[in-house]
């Protein structure tokens, strides 16, 4: 799989994309400029930059293939191998996602200005025969593409996975980090979850991070499965379905939060089983965990747990009858 990404090795999203991916990355566009190699950028060099927190401007040009180039934002009148002269490195960087050389199977925007792809310029992502530059777009950065442009690209056959779906992992990670901090006493949290400067990482922390990652992967799998199933069955755009999915989860979250369900002790324990890593419940104890969590947090936990798991299990079209049965089953588990 060939890939282009915006957001580079010095950013959280860009560096993680580099470190966890197993593709042939042909271009990285970031604060440092543009690095491009149609034969694939040197993976070891990208990894070095990611681990050091350096942007693409620090890429060793000796690692580029014969057709590759590096254009830094400070460059002026730089001549590329094909004879093209780049007048401004900054201008070249800002528009490179629309450049004819920016073509790959996968595009992952992990950074960049909002509305960089919009109704006025989306056709630049098509070749002379109207074929799209990318087969798949997975939005790592919020708002990089406007909804109007997403729909136009989907009409051309691009599978566009919208930011509201693809960025949920960050929200999940933050919420489970907060949950651990709220659940534990200060002494326990310092001992189990904090690495001393220069010291070894606590085993509990390492395993907890693994549980968080597993939780994110599980939710991502469920989100994709639901979107893809409905998309294949109906032909409706993925970006529209992603908005409907988020709206449906939010609707049920609000309904549950406003109901008496959030005050039911059985529902709170059920929500904990759905949301909290089991090792945290085992360490603190379910009753103690409930005791430590602020009431507002517990209510939010119940509402989000019920809403997301219900929608993933029963789909966008599930009605009140399925909802009642599901809630009753949760309370009895």
Protein backbone atom coordinates (compact mmCIF):
# COMPACT_ATOMS: atom_id res chain seq x y z
CA UNK A 1 0.00 0.00 0.00
CA UNK A 2 1.39 3.40 -0.97
CA UNK A 3 0.60 6.34 1.31
CA UNK A 4 0.82 10.12 1.52
CA UNK A 5 0.52 11.82 4.89
CA UNK A 6 0.35 15.41 6.06
CA UNK A 7 1.65 16.03 9.56
CA UNK A 8 5.15 14.83 10.14
CA UNK A 9 7.40 12.94 12.50
CA UNK A 10 7.55 15.79 15.02
CA UNK A 11 3.79 15.69 15.73
CA UNK A 12 1.82 13.29 17.92
CA UNK A 13 -0.40 12.01 15.12
CA UNK A 14 2.22 12.06 12.39
CA UNK A 15 4.91 10.33 14.44
CA UNK A 16 2.54 7.59 15.60
CA UNK A 17 1.33 7.11 12.02
CA UNK A 18 4.94 6.57 10.98
CA UNK A 19 5.76 4.26 13.89
CA UNK A 20 2.73 1.95 13.67
CA UNK A 21 2.15 1.82 9.90
CA UNK A 22 3.51 -0.85 7.57
CA UNK A 23 3.00 0.84 4.21
CA UNK A 24 5.21 2.37 1.52
CA UNK A 25 5.09 6.07 2.38
CA UNK A 26 5.88 8.16 -0.69
CA UNK A 27 5.34 11.65 0.74
CA UNK A 28 5.30 13.47 4.07
CA UNK A 29 4.13 17.09 4.19
CA UNK A 30 4.65 18.96 7.46
CA UNK A 31 5.96 22.11 9.12
CA UNK A 32 9.44 21.43 7.75
CA UNK A 33 8.40 21.12 4.12
CA UNK A 34 7.88 18.21 1.71
CA UNK A 35 9.78 14.94 1.33
CA UNK A 36 8.76 12.81 -1.65
CA UNK A 37 10.04 9.61 -3.18
CA UNK A 38 7.86 7.56 -5.56
CA UNK A 39 9.90 4.47 -4.67
CA UNK A 40 9.10 4.94 -0.98
CA UNK A 41 10.74 7.09 1.68
CA UNK A 42 13.39 5.32 3.74
CA UNK A 43 11.45 3.80 6.65
CA UNK A 44 14.45 3.69 9.00
CA UNK A 45 15.07 7.41 8.46
CA UNK A 46 11.39 8.27 9.05
CA UNK A 47 11.49 6.21 12.25
CA UNK A 48 14.62 8.04 13.40
CA UNK A 49 12.89 11.40 12.94
CA UNK A 50 9.72 10.21 14.68
CA UNK A 51 11.59 8.94 17.72
CA UNK A 52 13.66 12.13 17.93
CA UNK A 53 10.66 14.43 17.43
CA UNK A 54 12.19 16.07 14.33
CA UNK A 55 10.25 17.36 11.34
CA UNK A 56 10.83 16.50 7.69
CA UNK A 57 13.40 19.28 7.38
CA UNK A 58 15.85 16.98 9.18
CA UNK A 59 15.42 14.12 6.67
CA UNK A 60 18.80 12.95 5.37
CA UNK A 61 18.61 13.62 1.62
CA UNK A 62 21.22 10.91 1.02
CA UNK A 63 18.45 8.44 1.94
CA UNK A 64 16.28 9.58 -0.99
CA UNK A 65 15.99 7.49 -4.15
CA UNK A 66 17.07 8.80 -7.57
CA UNK A 67 13.61 10.30 -8.26
CA UNK A 68 13.02 11.72 -4.79
CA UNK A 69 13.37 15.23 -3.44
CA UNK A 70 13.21 17.25 -0.24
CA UNK A 71 11.90 20.82 -0.31
CA UNK A 72 12.19 22.73 2.94
CA UNK A 73 9.98 25.70 3.78
CA UNK A 74 12.98 28.03 3.67
CA UNK A 75 14.06 26.99 0.18
CA UNK A 76 13.96 29.54 -2.66
CA UNK A 77 14.27 28.79 -6.37
CA UNK A 78 15.21 25.18 -5.73
CA UNK A 79 15.63 23.03 -8.84
CA UNK A 80 14.27 19.49 -8.61
CA UNK A 81 15.62 16.47 -10.45
CA UNK A 82 13.07 16.78 -13.26
CA UNK A 83 14.04 20.39 -13.90
CA UNK A 84 11.12 21.97 -12.02
CA UNK A 85 12.09 25.10 -10.12
CA UNK A 86 10.35 25.66 -6.79
CA UNK A 87 10.13 29.40 -6.21
CA UNK A 88 8.96 29.17 -2.58
CA UNK A 89 9.35 26.18 -0.31
CA UNK A 90 6.48 27.39 1.87
CA UNK A 91 4.11 27.83 -1.08
CA UNK A 92 5.12 24.43 -2.46
CA UNK A 93 4.46 22.83 0.94
CA UNK A 94 1.07 24.49 1.35
CA UNK A 95 -0.25 23.20 -1.99
CA UNK A 96 1.53 19.86 -2.33
CA UNK A 97 -1.53 17.81 -1.30
CA UNK A 98 -3.05 19.00 -4.61
CA UNK A 99 0.11 18.37 -6.67
CA UNK A 100 -0.11 15.75 -9.50
CA UNK A 101 2.83 13.92 -7.88
CA UNK A 102 0.79 13.46 -4.71
CA UNK A 103 -0.83 10.16 -5.73
CA UNK A 104 -1.12 6.99 -3.62
CA UNK A 105 -3.49 4.25 -2.50
CA UNK A 106 -4.00 5.90 0.90
CA UNK A 107 -4.05 9.49 2.13
CA UNK A 108 -3.82 10.16 5.87
CA UNK A 109 -4.01 13.85 6.80
CA UNK A 110 -2.48 14.05 10.30
CA UNK A 111 -2.06 17.80 10.24
CA UNK A 112 -2.61 20.89 8.13
CA UNK A 113 -4.93 23.83 7.78
CA UNK A 114 -8.71 23.37 8.08
CA UNK A 115 -10.58 23.19 4.75
CA UNK A 116 -7.38 22.41 2.83
CA UNK A 117 -9.51 20.29 0.50
CA UNK A 118 -12.75 22.03 -0.34
CA UNK A 119 -15.41 22.53 -3.00
CA UNK A 120 -13.18 24.92 -4.94
CA UNK A 121 -10.14 22.65 -5.26
CA UNK A 122 -11.24 19.03 -4.85
CA UNK A 123 -11.01 18.41 -8.61
CA UNK A 124 -7.25 18.80 -8.28
CA UNK A 125 -7.34 15.32 -6.73
CA UNK A 126 -8.49 13.87 -10.09
CA UNK A 127 -6.31 13.07 -13.09
CA UNK A 128 -7.10 13.98 -16.69
CA UNK A 129 -9.43 10.96 -17.00
CA UNK A 130 -11.29 11.87 -13.80
CA UNK A 131 -9.69 9.14 -11.68
CA UNK A 132 -9.05 10.06 -8.03
CA UNK A 133 -5.57 10.48 -6.57
CA UNK A 134 -6.37 8.17 -3.64
CA UNK A 135 -8.44 5.04 -3.08
CA UNK A 136 -8.89 5.64 0.64
CA UNK A 137 -8.72 8.72 2.84
CA UNK A 138 -8.53 8.24 6.60
CA UNK A 139 -8.74 11.60 8.38
CA UNK A 140 -6.28 11.86 11.24
CA UNK A 141 -6.63 15.65 11.46
CA UNK A 142 -9.95 17.33 12.12
CA UNK A 143 -11.53 19.56 9.47
CA UNK A 144 -8.83 19.06 6.79
CA UNK A 145 -11.55 18.24 4.25
CA UNK A 146 -14.93 19.95 4.01
CA UNK A 147 -18.06 17.82 3.96
CA UNK A 148 -18.93 19.03 0.44
CA UNK A 149 -15.52 17.89 -0.83
CA UNK A 150 -15.88 14.54 0.95
CA UNK A 151 -19.15 13.86 -0.87
CA UNK A 152 -17.66 14.80 -4.25
CA UNK A 153 -14.71 12.49 -3.67
CA UNK A 154 -17.00 9.66 -2.59
CA UNK A 155 -18.98 10.11 -5.81
CA UNK A 156 -15.71 9.36 -7.62
CA UNK A 157 -15.25 6.14 -5.65
CA UNK A 158 -12.94 7.26 -2.85
CA UNK A 159 -13.67 5.65 0.54
CA UNK A 160 -13.51 8.61 2.92
CA UNK A 161 -13.40 7.84 6.64
CA UNK A 162 -14.41 11.03 8.41
CA UNK A 163 -12.66 12.66 11.37
CA UNK A 164 -15.64 12.11 13.68
CA UNK A 165 -15.05 8.36 13.34
CA UNK A 166 -11.30 8.15 12.95
CA UNK A 167 -10.40 10.39 15.91
CA UNK A 168 -12.48 8.68 18.58
CA UNK A 169 -9.41 6.84 19.83
CA UNK A 170 -8.05 10.04 21.33
CA UNK A 171 -11.26 10.66 23.24
CA UNK A 172 -11.33 7.08 24.52
CA UNK A 173 -7.68 7.22 25.60
CA UNK A 174 -8.20 10.48 27.50
CA UNK A 175 -11.33 9.23 29.25
CA UNK A 176 -9.66 6.01 30.44
CA UNK A 177 -6.63 7.96 31.64
CA UNK A 178 -8.92 10.20 33.68
CA UNK A 179 -10.81 7.15 34.95
CA UNK A 180 -7.62 5.63 36.39
CA UNK A 181 -6.70 8.90 38.10
CA UNK A 182 -10.14 9.26 39.65
CA UNK A 183 -10.40 5.63 40.71
CA UNK A 184 -7.15 5.35 42.66
CA UNK A 185 -5.85 6.88 45.84
CA UNK A 186 -2.94 9.25 45.26
CA UNK A 187 -0.37 6.83 46.65
CA UNK A 188 -1.62 3.94 44.51
CA UNK A 189 -1.72 6.10 41.39
CA UNK A 190 1.86 7.29 41.92
CA UNK A 191 3.08 3.74 42.51
CA UNK A 192 1.15 1.98 39.73
CA UNK A 193 0.75 4.59 36.99
CA UNK A 194 3.70 7.00 37.19
CA UNK A 195 7.23 6.34 35.96
CA UNK A 196 9.91 8.12 37.97
CA UNK A 197 12.43 10.15 35.91
CA UNK A 198 14.97 7.69 34.59
CA UNK A 199 13.18 4.81 36.30
CA UNK A 200 11.47 1.74 34.96
CA UNK A 201 7.86 1.92 33.83
CA UNK A 202 5.55 0.26 36.36
CA UNK A 203 4.19 -3.06 35.12
CA UNK A 204 0.63 -2.01 35.94
CA UNK A 205 0.96 1.11 33.81
CA UNK A 206 2.37 -0.87 30.88
CA UNK A 207 -0.48 -3.38 31.02
CA UNK A 208 -3.08 -0.65 31.48
CA UNK A 209 -1.87 1.11 28.33
CA UNK A 210 -2.21 -2.21 26.52
CA UNK A 211 -5.80 -2.50 27.78
CA UNK A 212 -6.56 1.04 26.58
CA UNK A 213 -5.14 0.29 23.14
CA UNK A 214 -7.18 -2.92 23.01
CA UNK A 215 -10.33 -0.98 23.93
CA UNK A 216 -9.66 1.53 21.15
CA UNK A 217 -9.05 -1.22 18.60
CA UNK A 218 -12.29 -2.94 19.61
CA UNK A 219 -14.31 0.27 19.24
CA UNK A 220 -12.60 1.10 15.94
CA UNK A 221 -13.43 -2.37 14.61
CA UNK A 222 -17.06 -1.95 15.64
CA UNK A 223 -17.29 1.54 14.14
CA UNK A 224 -15.79 0.38 10.84
CA UNK A 225 -17.93 -2.76 10.68
CA UNK A 226 -21.15 -0.81 11.15
CA UNK A 227 -20.24 1.95 8.68
CA UNK A 228 -19.01 -0.50 6.04
CA UNK A 229 -21.99 -2.82 6.40
CA UNK A 230 -24.53 -0.02 5.95
CA UNK A 231 -22.49 1.57 3.16
CA UNK A 232 -22.31 -1.69 1.21
CA UNK A 233 -26.00 -2.40 1.73
CA UNK A 234 -27.30 1.07 0.83
CA UNK A 235 -24.58 2.77 -1.21
CA UNK A 236 -24.85 5.83 0.99
CA UNK A 237 -21.65 7.89 1.50
CA UNK A 238 -19.45 6.87 4.40
CA UNK A 239 -19.03 10.49 5.49
CA UNK A 240 -22.82 10.91 5.77
CA UNK A 241 -23.17 7.64 7.68
CA UNK A 242 -20.38 8.72 10.07
CA UNK A 243 -22.31 11.89 10.90
CA UNK A 244 -25.52 9.91 11.44
CA UNK A 245 -23.70 7.42 13.67
CA UNK A 246 -22.27 10.19 15.85
CA UNK A 247 -25.65 11.93 16.00
CA UNK A 248 -27.40 8.69 17.00
CA UNK A 249 -24.89 7.96 19.78
CA UNK A 250 -25.16 11.54 21.05
CA UNK A 251 -28.97 11.38 20.97
CA UNK A 252 -29.10 8.22 23.06
CA UNK A 253 -26.39 9.58 25.39
CA UNK A 254 -28.54 12.64 26.09
CA UNK A 255 -31.67 10.53 26.59
CA UNK A 256 -29.95 8.20 29.06
CA UNK A 257 -28.32 11.12 30.91
CA UNK A 258 -31.75 12.71 31.40
CA UNK A 259 -33.36 9.49 32.64
CA UNK A 260 -33.48 7.80 36.03
CA UNK A 261 -31.28 5.04 34.62
CA UNK A 262 -28.10 6.91 35.54
CA UNK A 263 -29.04 6.73 39.22
CA UNK A 264 -29.54 2.96 39.21
CA UNK A 265 -26.62 1.26 41.06
CA UNK A 266 -26.97 -1.85 38.86
CA UNK A 267 -26.63 0.26 35.71
CA UNK A 268 -23.56 2.01 37.09
CA UNK A 269 -21.87 -1.31 37.73
CA UNK A 270 -22.88 -2.53 34.26
CA UNK A 271 -21.41 0.62 32.71
CA UNK A 272 -18.16 0.06 34.58
CA UNK A 273 -17.93 -3.46 33.20
CA UNK A 274 -18.42 -2.08 29.69
CA UNK A 275 -16.02 0.84 29.94
CA UNK A 276 -13.37 0.27 32.61
CA UNK A 277 -10.43 -2.09 31.97
CA UNK A 278 -10.96 -5.18 34.10
CA UNK A 279 -7.52 -4.84 35.70
CA UNK A 280 -8.53 -1.44 37.11
CA UNK A 281 -11.74 -2.88 38.58
CA UNK A 282 -9.75 -5.79 40.04
CA UNK A 283 -7.13 -3.47 41.57
CA UNK A 284 -9.54 -0.95 43.12
CA UNK A 285 -12.69 -3.04 43.52
CA UNK A 286 -16.00 -2.21 41.86
CA UNK A 287 -17.61 -0.77 44.98
CA UNK A 288 -14.57 1.36 45.83
CA UNK A 289 -14.33 2.53 42.25
CA UNK A 290 -17.95 3.71 42.31
CA UNK A 291 -17.28 5.39 45.65
CA UNK A 292 -14.30 7.33 44.24
CA UNK A 293 -15.94 8.54 41.03
CA UNK A 294 -17.80 11.87 41.19
CA UNK A 295 -21.57 11.51 40.61
CA UNK A 296 -21.46 13.57 37.41
CA UNK A 297 -18.73 11.32 36.01
CA UNK A 298 -20.71 8.20 36.89
CA UNK A 299 -23.77 9.54 35.09
CA UNK A 300 -21.71 10.34 32.02
CA UNK A 301 -20.14 6.88 32.17
CA UNK A 302 -23.54 5.18 32.17
CA UNK A 303 -24.88 7.36 29.36
CA UNK A 304 -21.93 6.91 27.01
CA UNK A 305 -21.55 3.19 27.74
CA UNK A 306 -25.20 2.44 27.01
CA UNK A 307 -25.37 4.63 23.90
CA UNK A 308 -22.24 3.49 22.10
CA UNK A 309 -22.56 -0.23 22.80
CA UNK A 310 -26.25 -0.20 21.85
CA UNK A 311 -25.67 1.52 18.49
CA UNK A 312 -22.70 -0.69 17.59
CA UNK A 313 -24.68 -3.83 18.40
CA UNK A 314 -28.06 -2.97 16.88
CA UNK A 315 -27.20 -0.43 14.18
CA UNK A 316 -28.54 2.94 13.13
CA UNK A 317 -32.10 1.80 12.56
CA UNK A 318 -32.78 0.06 15.89
CA UNK A 319 -35.94 1.23 17.58
CA UNK A 320 -37.37 1.62 21.05
CA UNK A 321 -38.19 -2.08 21.51
CA UNK A 322 -34.57 -3.16 20.98
CA UNK A 323 -33.42 -0.36 23.22
CA UNK A 324 -35.65 -1.43 26.13
CA UNK A 325 -34.57 -5.06 25.84
CA UNK A 326 -30.90 -4.10 25.75
CA UNK A 327 -31.12 -1.85 28.82
CA UNK A 328 -33.02 -4.52 30.76
CA UNK A 329 -30.38 -7.11 29.89
CA UNK A 330 -27.57 -4.77 30.98
CA UNK A 331 -29.11 -4.22 34.39
CA UNK A 332 -29.39 -7.98 34.94
CA UNK A 333 -25.82 -8.89 33.91
